Protein backbone atom coordinates (compact mmCIF):
# COMPACT_ATOMS: atom_id res chain seq x y z
CA MET A 1 109.13 -44.89 -28.75
CA THR A 2 106.63 -44.28 -31.53
CA ASP A 3 107.39 -44.08 -35.24
CA ALA A 4 105.83 -40.61 -35.29
CA LEU A 5 108.33 -39.30 -32.75
CA GLU A 6 111.25 -40.80 -34.61
CA GLU A 7 110.00 -39.33 -37.87
CA TRP A 8 109.67 -35.96 -36.13
CA ILE A 9 113.23 -35.84 -34.79
CA LEU A 10 114.88 -37.07 -37.99
CA GLN A 11 113.50 -34.21 -40.08
CA TYR A 12 115.88 -31.82 -38.31
CA ASN A 13 119.66 -31.88 -38.87
CA SER A 14 120.39 -31.24 -35.20
CA GLY A 15 117.80 -33.84 -34.19
CA MET A 16 119.34 -36.46 -36.45
CA ALA A 17 122.86 -35.68 -35.17
CA TRP A 18 121.73 -36.13 -31.57
CA PHE A 19 119.47 -39.14 -32.12
CA ASN A 20 122.12 -41.12 -34.01
CA LYS A 21 124.64 -40.64 -31.22
CA LEU A 22 122.38 -42.23 -28.61
CA GLN A 23 123.61 -45.79 -28.24
CA SER A 24 120.89 -47.42 -26.16
CA GLU A 25 117.36 -48.05 -27.39
CA ASN A 26 116.14 -47.50 -23.83
CA THR A 27 117.84 -44.10 -23.80
CA LYS A 28 116.22 -43.17 -27.11
CA ARG A 29 112.85 -44.35 -25.83
CA THR A 30 113.20 -42.17 -22.72
CA TYR A 31 114.90 -39.09 -24.18
CA LEU A 32 112.87 -38.57 -27.34
CA PRO A 33 109.49 -37.85 -25.62
CA ASN A 34 111.37 -35.54 -23.23
CA LEU A 35 112.81 -33.44 -26.06
CA LYS A 36 109.40 -33.28 -27.76
CA LYS A 37 107.84 -31.99 -24.52
CA TYR A 38 110.53 -29.34 -24.25
CA CYS A 39 110.12 -28.21 -27.87
CA ASP A 40 106.34 -28.04 -27.51
CA SER A 41 106.61 -26.06 -24.26
CA THR A 42 109.16 -23.55 -25.58
CA LYS A 43 107.64 -23.40 -29.09
CA GLN A 44 111.04 -24.14 -30.63
CA ASN A 45 112.02 -26.99 -32.93
CA PRO A 46 115.41 -28.76 -32.49
CA ASP A 47 117.20 -26.67 -35.14
CA GLN A 48 115.87 -23.47 -33.57
CA LEU A 49 117.18 -24.59 -30.18
CA ILE A 50 120.66 -25.01 -31.63
CA GLN A 51 120.38 -21.65 -33.38
CA LEU A 52 119.76 -19.99 -30.01
CA LYS A 53 123.10 -21.34 -28.77
CA ILE A 54 124.92 -20.34 -31.96
CA GLU A 55 123.58 -16.80 -31.66
CA GLY A 56 124.70 -16.72 -28.05
CA LEU A 57 128.24 -17.76 -28.96
CA GLN A 58 128.30 -15.01 -31.57
CA ALA A 59 127.14 -12.38 -29.08
CA ILE A 60 129.50 -12.71 -26.12
CA ASN A 61 128.90 -10.17 -23.33
CA THR A 62 125.42 -9.37 -24.61
CA PRO A 63 121.97 -10.42 -23.32
CA LYS A 64 121.90 -13.10 -26.02
CA GLU A 65 125.01 -14.92 -24.77
CA PHE A 66 123.16 -17.36 -22.53
CA GLN A 67 119.71 -17.27 -24.13
CA ALA A 68 119.68 -21.07 -24.64
CA GLU A 69 120.53 -21.62 -20.97
CA ASN A 70 117.99 -19.02 -19.86
CA LEU A 71 115.28 -20.73 -21.89
CA LEU A 72 115.91 -24.05 -20.15
CA GLU A 73 116.13 -22.49 -16.70
CA THR A 74 112.89 -20.60 -17.28
CA PHE A 75 111.24 -23.85 -18.35
CA ILE A 76 112.48 -25.62 -15.20
CA SER A 77 111.28 -22.86 -12.88
CA THR A 78 107.87 -22.23 -14.50
CA SER A 79 106.77 -25.53 -16.02
CA LYS A 80 103.96 -27.40 -14.29
CA PHE A 81 105.46 -30.77 -15.14
CA PRO A 82 106.25 -32.97 -12.09
CA LEU A 83 109.76 -32.54 -10.73
CA THR A 84 110.76 -36.00 -11.91
CA VAL A 85 109.65 -35.15 -15.46
CA LYS A 86 111.45 -31.80 -15.44
CA ASP A 87 114.60 -33.49 -14.22
CA GLY A 88 114.41 -35.96 -17.12
CA ILE A 89 113.78 -33.16 -19.62
CA ARG A 90 116.73 -31.17 -18.27
CA THR A 91 119.03 -34.17 -18.72
CA THR A 92 117.70 -34.72 -22.24
CA VAL A 93 118.17 -31.11 -23.33
CA VAL A 94 121.74 -31.02 -21.97
CA SER A 95 122.42 -34.23 -23.93
CA PHE A 96 120.89 -32.71 -27.07
CA TYR A 97 123.16 -29.65 -27.04
CA LYS A 98 126.25 -31.63 -26.05
CA ASN A 99 125.84 -34.11 -28.93
CA ASN A 100 125.48 -31.19 -31.31
CA ARG A 101 128.80 -29.79 -30.08
CA ARG A 102 127.08 -26.82 -28.48
CA PRO A 103 127.19 -27.72 -24.75
CA LEU A 104 125.23 -25.56 -22.35
CA VAL A 105 126.89 -23.70 -19.50
CA GLU A 106 126.03 -24.88 -15.97
CA ILE A 107 122.31 -25.47 -16.02
CA MET A 108 120.76 -25.56 -12.55
CA GLU A 109 120.31 -28.97 -11.03
CA ILE A 110 116.89 -30.24 -9.98
CA SER A 111 116.93 -30.62 -6.20
CA THR A 112 115.68 -33.92 -4.82
CA PRO A 113 115.04 -35.12 -1.27
CA GLU A 114 118.02 -36.58 0.52
CA SER A 115 118.41 -40.34 0.33
CA LYS A 116 117.52 -40.78 4.00
CA GLN A 117 114.07 -39.37 3.15
CA ARG A 118 113.57 -41.72 0.22
CA CYS A 119 112.71 -44.93 2.10
CA PRO A 120 108.91 -44.97 2.34
CA LYS A 121 107.01 -46.23 5.34
CA SER A 122 103.72 -48.13 5.28
CA GLN A 123 101.78 -44.91 5.88
CA ASP A 124 103.57 -43.26 2.93
CA ILE A 125 102.58 -46.14 0.67
CA SER A 126 98.95 -45.89 1.74
CA GLU A 127 98.94 -42.13 1.09
CA LEU A 128 100.61 -42.62 -2.29
CA GLU A 129 98.09 -45.31 -3.21
CA ASN A 130 95.23 -42.93 -2.40
CA ALA A 131 96.79 -40.34 -4.73
CA PHE A 132 96.76 -42.71 -7.72
CA THR A 133 93.70 -42.56 -9.96
CA THR A 134 93.56 -46.10 -11.42
CA SER A 135 93.40 -49.55 -9.88
CA ARG A 136 96.36 -50.45 -12.09
CA ASP A 137 98.61 -47.90 -10.39
CA LYS A 138 97.26 -48.71 -6.93
CA ALA A 139 98.13 -52.35 -7.62
CA LEU A 140 101.56 -51.40 -8.92
CA VAL A 141 102.56 -49.46 -5.82
CA TRP A 142 101.71 -52.40 -3.53
CA PHE A 143 103.18 -54.85 -6.05
CA ILE A 144 106.65 -53.32 -5.74
CA ALA A 145 106.19 -52.82 -1.99
CA SER A 146 105.86 -56.61 -1.78
CA ALA A 147 107.97 -57.86 -4.73
CA PRO A 148 110.69 -55.20 -5.19
CA PHE A 149 111.58 -55.70 -8.85
CA ARG A 150 113.55 -53.00 -10.61
CA LEU A 151 111.66 -50.76 -13.01
CA GLU A 152 113.10 -52.33 -16.18
CA THR A 153 112.14 -55.80 -14.91
CA ILE A 154 108.58 -54.70 -14.11
CA THR A 155 108.04 -53.86 -17.78
CA LYS A 156 109.15 -57.39 -18.73
CA LEU A 157 106.89 -59.32 -16.35
CA LYS A 158 104.18 -61.53 -17.87
CA TRP A 159 100.96 -62.84 -16.38
CA ARG A 160 102.37 -66.35 -16.62
CA ASP A 161 105.05 -65.37 -14.09
CA LEU A 162 102.47 -65.30 -11.29
CA LYS A 163 102.36 -68.69 -9.55
CA PRO A 164 99.72 -69.47 -6.89
CA THR A 165 101.22 -70.55 -3.55
CA ASN A 166 97.98 -71.77 -1.88
CA ASP A 167 98.95 -69.58 1.07
CA LYS A 168 96.31 -67.03 2.10
CA ASP A 169 98.90 -64.66 3.58
CA VAL A 170 101.12 -64.72 0.48
CA PRO A 171 98.96 -65.89 -2.47
CA TYR A 172 101.52 -65.53 -5.30
CA SER A 173 105.20 -66.17 -6.00
CA MET A 174 107.39 -65.33 -9.00
CA LEU A 175 110.77 -66.60 -10.17
CA ILE A 176 112.42 -64.32 -12.75
CA GLU A 177 115.52 -65.41 -14.68
CA ALA A 178 118.68 -63.35 -15.14
CA GLU A 179 117.85 -62.21 -18.68
CA ARG A 180 115.02 -60.02 -17.37
CA LEU A 181 117.01 -58.61 -14.47
CA LYS A 182 119.74 -55.97 -14.14
CA GLY A 183 122.72 -56.91 -16.31
CA SER A 184 120.63 -59.26 -18.47
CA GLY A 185 122.58 -62.27 -17.18
CA ARG A 186 125.94 -61.11 -18.50
CA GLY A 187 129.27 -60.94 -16.66
CA LYS A 188 128.92 -60.70 -12.90
CA TYR A 189 125.12 -60.91 -13.31
CA LYS A 190 125.28 -64.38 -14.85
CA GLY A 191 122.98 -66.82 -13.08
CA VAL A 192 121.30 -64.18 -10.91
CA LYS A 193 117.59 -64.79 -10.32
CA GLN A 194 114.95 -62.99 -8.33
CA VAL A 195 112.16 -64.49 -6.28
CA GLY A 196 109.17 -62.25 -5.62
CA PHE A 197 106.12 -62.72 -3.39
CA LEU A 198 102.79 -60.90 -3.35
CA HIS A 199 101.31 -60.67 0.13
CA SER A 200 97.58 -60.60 0.76
CA LEU A 201 97.16 -56.83 0.46
CA ALA A 202 99.13 -56.64 -2.81
CA SER A 203 97.08 -59.56 -4.14
CA GLN A 204 93.84 -57.82 -3.13
CA LYS A 205 94.87 -54.70 -5.09
CA PHE A 206 95.85 -56.96 -7.97
CA GLU A 207 92.37 -58.47 -8.12
CA ALA A 208 90.90 -54.96 -8.31
CA TYR A 209 93.27 -54.23 -11.21
CA LYS A 210 92.09 -57.33 -13.08
CA LYS A 211 88.48 -56.20 -12.69
CA GLU A 212 89.42 -52.78 -14.02
CA LEU A 213 90.96 -54.43 -17.09
CA GLU A 214 87.69 -56.28 -17.69
CA ARG A 215 85.63 -53.09 -17.32
CA LYS A 216 87.84 -51.32 -19.83
CA GLY A 217 87.40 -54.15 -22.34
CA TYR A 218 90.88 -55.69 -22.29
CA THR A 219 91.29 -59.41 -22.90
CA ILE A 220 94.54 -60.54 -21.31
CA SER A 221 96.52 -63.70 -22.11
CA GLU A 222 99.23 -65.30 -19.99
CA ASN A 223 101.90 -64.01 -22.39
CA ASP A 224 100.83 -60.36 -22.11
CA PRO A 225 102.70 -57.87 -19.93
CA ILE A 226 101.25 -57.55 -16.43
CA PHE A 227 101.10 -53.77 -16.37
CA ILE A 228 99.74 -52.26 -19.58
CA ALA A 229 99.16 -48.75 -20.90
CA TYR A 230 95.49 -47.82 -21.21
CA ARG A 231 94.70 -46.91 -24.83
CA LYS A 232 91.50 -45.99 -26.64
CA GLU A 233 91.91 -48.80 -29.18
CA ARG A 234 92.31 -51.36 -26.34
CA LYS A 235 95.61 -52.51 -27.83
CA ILE A 236 97.84 -54.41 -25.40
CA LYS A 237 101.02 -52.38 -24.87
CA VAL A 238 103.35 -52.51 -21.90
CA LEU A 239 103.30 -49.55 -19.50
CA SER A 240 106.66 -47.86 -20.17
CA THR A 241 109.27 -47.02 -17.57
CA PHE A 242 108.79 -43.34 -18.43
CA SER A 243 105.04 -43.55 -17.78
CA ILE A 244 105.56 -45.36 -14.50
CA GLU A 245 108.09 -42.78 -13.27
CA SER A 246 105.82 -39.96 -14.41
CA ASN A 247 102.78 -41.47 -12.66
CA PHE A 248 104.72 -41.81 -9.40
CA GLY A 249 105.82 -38.18 -9.68
CA LYS A 250 102.26 -36.98 -10.25
CA ALA A 251 100.91 -39.10 -7.38
CA SER A 252 103.65 -37.81 -5.05
CA LEU A 253 102.68 -34.25 -5.93
CA ARG A 254 98.99 -34.94 -5.26
CA ALA A 255 99.81 -36.69 -1.98
CA TRP A 256 102.28 -34.23 -0.46
CA HIS A 257 102.06 -31.09 -2.64
CA ASP A 258 105.82 -30.42 -2.67
CA LEU A 259 108.12 -32.73 -4.61
CA GLU A 260 111.24 -31.08 -3.23
CA LYS A 261 110.25 -32.11 0.29
CA LYS A 262 108.72 -35.51 -0.31
CA ARG A 263 108.34 -37.85 -3.25
CA PHE A 264 108.98 -41.49 -4.03
CA SER A 265 110.06 -43.31 -7.17
CA PRO A 266 109.52 -47.03 -7.84
CA HIS A 267 113.16 -47.74 -6.95
CA ASP A 268 112.65 -46.39 -3.42
CA PHE A 269 110.43 -49.37 -2.61
CA ARG A 270 113.41 -51.72 -2.82
CA SER A 271 114.71 -49.97 0.30
CA PHE A 272 111.32 -50.36 1.97
CA VAL A 273 111.26 -54.14 1.41
CA GLN A 274 114.92 -54.60 2.29
CA THR A 275 114.43 -52.70 5.56
CA ALA A 276 111.40 -54.86 6.42
CA LEU A 277 113.33 -58.08 5.73
CA GLU A 278 116.26 -56.90 7.85
CA ASN A 279 113.94 -55.87 10.70
CA ALA A 280 112.54 -59.41 10.63
CA GLY A 281 116.07 -60.71 11.24
CA ILE A 282 116.33 -62.59 7.94
CA ASN A 283 119.82 -63.74 6.94
CA PRO A 284 121.40 -61.54 4.19
CA ASN A 285 121.84 -64.59 1.94
CA MET A 286 118.10 -65.18 2.14
CA ILE A 287 117.40 -61.51 1.43
CA SER A 288 119.61 -61.45 -1.68
CA PRO A 289 117.35 -63.51 -3.99
CA LEU A 290 114.36 -61.43 -2.89
CA LEU A 291 116.16 -58.31 -4.16
CA GLY A 292 117.67 -59.86 -7.30
CA HIS A 293 121.18 -60.06 -5.84
CA LYS A 294 123.47 -63.08 -6.01
CA PRO A 295 123.79 -64.79 -2.60
CA ARG A 296 127.36 -64.90 -1.33
CA GLY A 297 129.14 -68.05 -0.27
CA ILE A 298 126.33 -70.47 -1.16
CA ASP A 299 125.04 -72.09 -4.32
CA PHE A 300 121.37 -71.18 -4.64
CA HIS A 301 119.51 -73.40 -7.13
CA TYR A 302 116.02 -71.92 -6.57
CA SER A 303 114.26 -75.26 -6.40
CA GLU A 304 110.69 -75.52 -5.16
CA HIS A 305 112.14 -76.33 -1.76
CA ASP A 306 114.27 -73.17 -1.81
CA ILE A 307 111.29 -71.01 -2.78
CA SER A 308 109.23 -72.63 -0.04
CA ASP A 309 111.95 -71.74 2.48
CA LEU A 310 112.06 -68.18 1.17
CA LEU A 311 108.26 -67.96 1.46
CA GLN A 312 108.40 -68.86 5.16
CA LYS A 313 111.14 -66.28 5.73
CA PHE A 314 109.18 -63.67 3.79
CA LYS A 315 106.11 -64.29 5.98
CA THR A 316 108.10 -63.35 9.09
CA ALA A 317 108.51 -59.87 7.57
CA LEU A 318 104.78 -59.32 6.96
CA PRO A 319 104.30 -57.27 10.17
CA TYR A 320 106.84 -54.81 8.74
CA LEU A 321 105.41 -54.86 5.20
CA LEU A 322 101.69 -54.50 5.90
CA PRO A 323 100.12 -51.30 7.23
CA GLN A 324 97.99 -51.39 10.34
CA THR A 325 94.71 -49.51 10.16
CA VAL A 326 93.47 -47.40 13.07
CA GLU A 327 90.73 -49.96 13.68
CA SER A 328 93.17 -52.86 13.86
CA VAL A 329 95.44 -50.93 16.22
CA LYS A 330 92.46 -50.12 18.47
CA SER A 331 91.38 -53.75 18.34
CA ASP A 332 94.86 -54.91 19.31
CA LEU A 333 94.98 -52.41 22.17
CA GLU A 334 91.55 -53.48 23.46
CA ALA A 335 92.56 -57.14 23.29
CA THR A 336 95.78 -56.40 25.15
CA LYS A 337 93.93 -54.31 27.75
CA SER A 338 91.39 -57.08 28.29
CA GLU A 339 94.15 -59.67 28.61
CA TYR A 340 95.99 -57.63 31.25
CA GLU A 341 92.79 -56.89 33.16
CA GLN A 342 92.07 -60.63 33.36
CA LYS A 343 95.61 -61.28 34.57
CA ILE A 344 95.30 -58.55 37.21
CA GLU A 345 91.98 -59.97 38.45
CA LYS A 346 93.52 -63.42 38.67
CA LEU A 347 96.54 -62.11 40.58
CA GLU A 348 94.29 -60.16 42.96
CA ALA A 349 92.23 -63.29 43.67
CA GLU A 350 95.35 -65.38 44.25
CA PHE A 351 96.81 -62.68 46.50
CA ALA A 352 93.59 -62.45 48.54
CA GLU A 353 93.50 -66.22 48.94
CA LYS A 354 97.14 -66.38 50.08
CA LEU A 355 96.55 -63.45 52.44
CA MET A 356 93.54 -65.23 53.95
CA LEU A 357 95.53 -68.43 54.47
CA GLN A 358 98.42 -66.54 56.05
CA SER A 359 95.99 -64.63 58.26
CA LYS A 360 94.36 -67.86 59.49
CA THR A 361 97.74 -69.41 60.14
CA LEU A 362 98.80 -66.39 62.18
CA MET A 363 95.54 -66.40 64.17
CA HIS A 364 95.92 -70.09 65.02
CA TYR A 365 99.49 -69.46 66.15
CA ILE A 366 98.37 -66.58 68.41
CA SER A 367 95.51 -68.70 69.77
CA ASP A 368 97.90 -71.53 70.65
CA VAL A 369 100.24 -69.14 72.44
CA LEU A 370 97.39 -67.59 74.46
CA GLU A 371 95.90 -70.97 75.41
CA LYS A 372 99.29 -72.09 76.74
CA GLN A 373 99.10 -69.05 79.01
CA GLY A 374 95.61 -70.08 80.15
CA ILE A 375 93.71 -67.64 77.97
CA LYS A 376 90.90 -69.19 75.97
CA THR A 377 90.14 -67.84 72.45
CA THR A 378 87.61 -68.65 69.77
CA ILE A 379 88.58 -68.53 66.08
CA GLU A 380 85.67 -68.21 63.70
CA GLU A 381 85.98 -70.51 60.72
CA GLU A 382 84.71 -69.26 57.40
CA GLY A 383 80.97 -69.77 57.15
CA GLU A 384 80.38 -70.03 60.93
CA GLU A 385 78.17 -67.68 62.92
CA PRO A 386 80.17 -65.46 65.30
């Protein structure tokens, strides 16, 4: 949240009333830009928005009665903002009126794909990556498809968190303490830690992101946030949760052209990784630390040995986490075809040899029987002239 936005909202009585009732700084940071977007789009300031509702309450059974609601519904149906952004703005505006004691009447919900459609597959991730416009965002999508940290945690990750593993298939590991995870280490979340791994493809995208940072003139230290917002003054500032969500919404729209049918948020990639780990047959207690959950029934200390064990388990899930290109699939099919052809040739040769031996044995048996009856026969041995 910028000082300019806070200064803007506090100059209005209705804005101040709403802003001061928001308890969480994260909520303020998310809601304030949303309300500003809505005001700019509708050409109304906060006090004018409240006045629309007051006029409506004073004009029951007239066209003005629901003018505040109609304004929001018109915005939702006509705005070119991504669906995820419009959904956030809708929630913000409803909160704004409610905290000014002028609640709106049944504003239409933003429809979203059913949950069963919200677990991406490898192909979806590749298509989403192609729809992003920066190496940073391409790296981010594969980052969370390998290390499924929650969105709030992603904004708290530092470059120093990345630890080389000396494993070419999984080059980096991370161990994040409870304070940077869901619950901030309080209550039932006390002692929870999350182990994350970056597989080779995620690491490859990460290297491209580092080169992009260099090209743009950023000098990064180990204490800087991993994912930063690109700014003209080259000032290091963390990429906000709002920006990340917005970027995923825009990329989903570019990739599939209809957010009501198909879109993915960063949180959906937790399901992708969890499904891959389960498909690999990994024990739930080993999956828990990879998702930032507390393992049940065991005391997990997260020593180097524990992380090494988790790395080996994680590697068994790589076939489910990494996409296969058309070329690699063709190569695998050709190799399999060649292998089976060789096996068939070997079986045919063995069968022919056994058939030849059985044939010779039968011929010798017939010859013996005929000779006992006084009939002479000649059996040609292999290589002899007839």
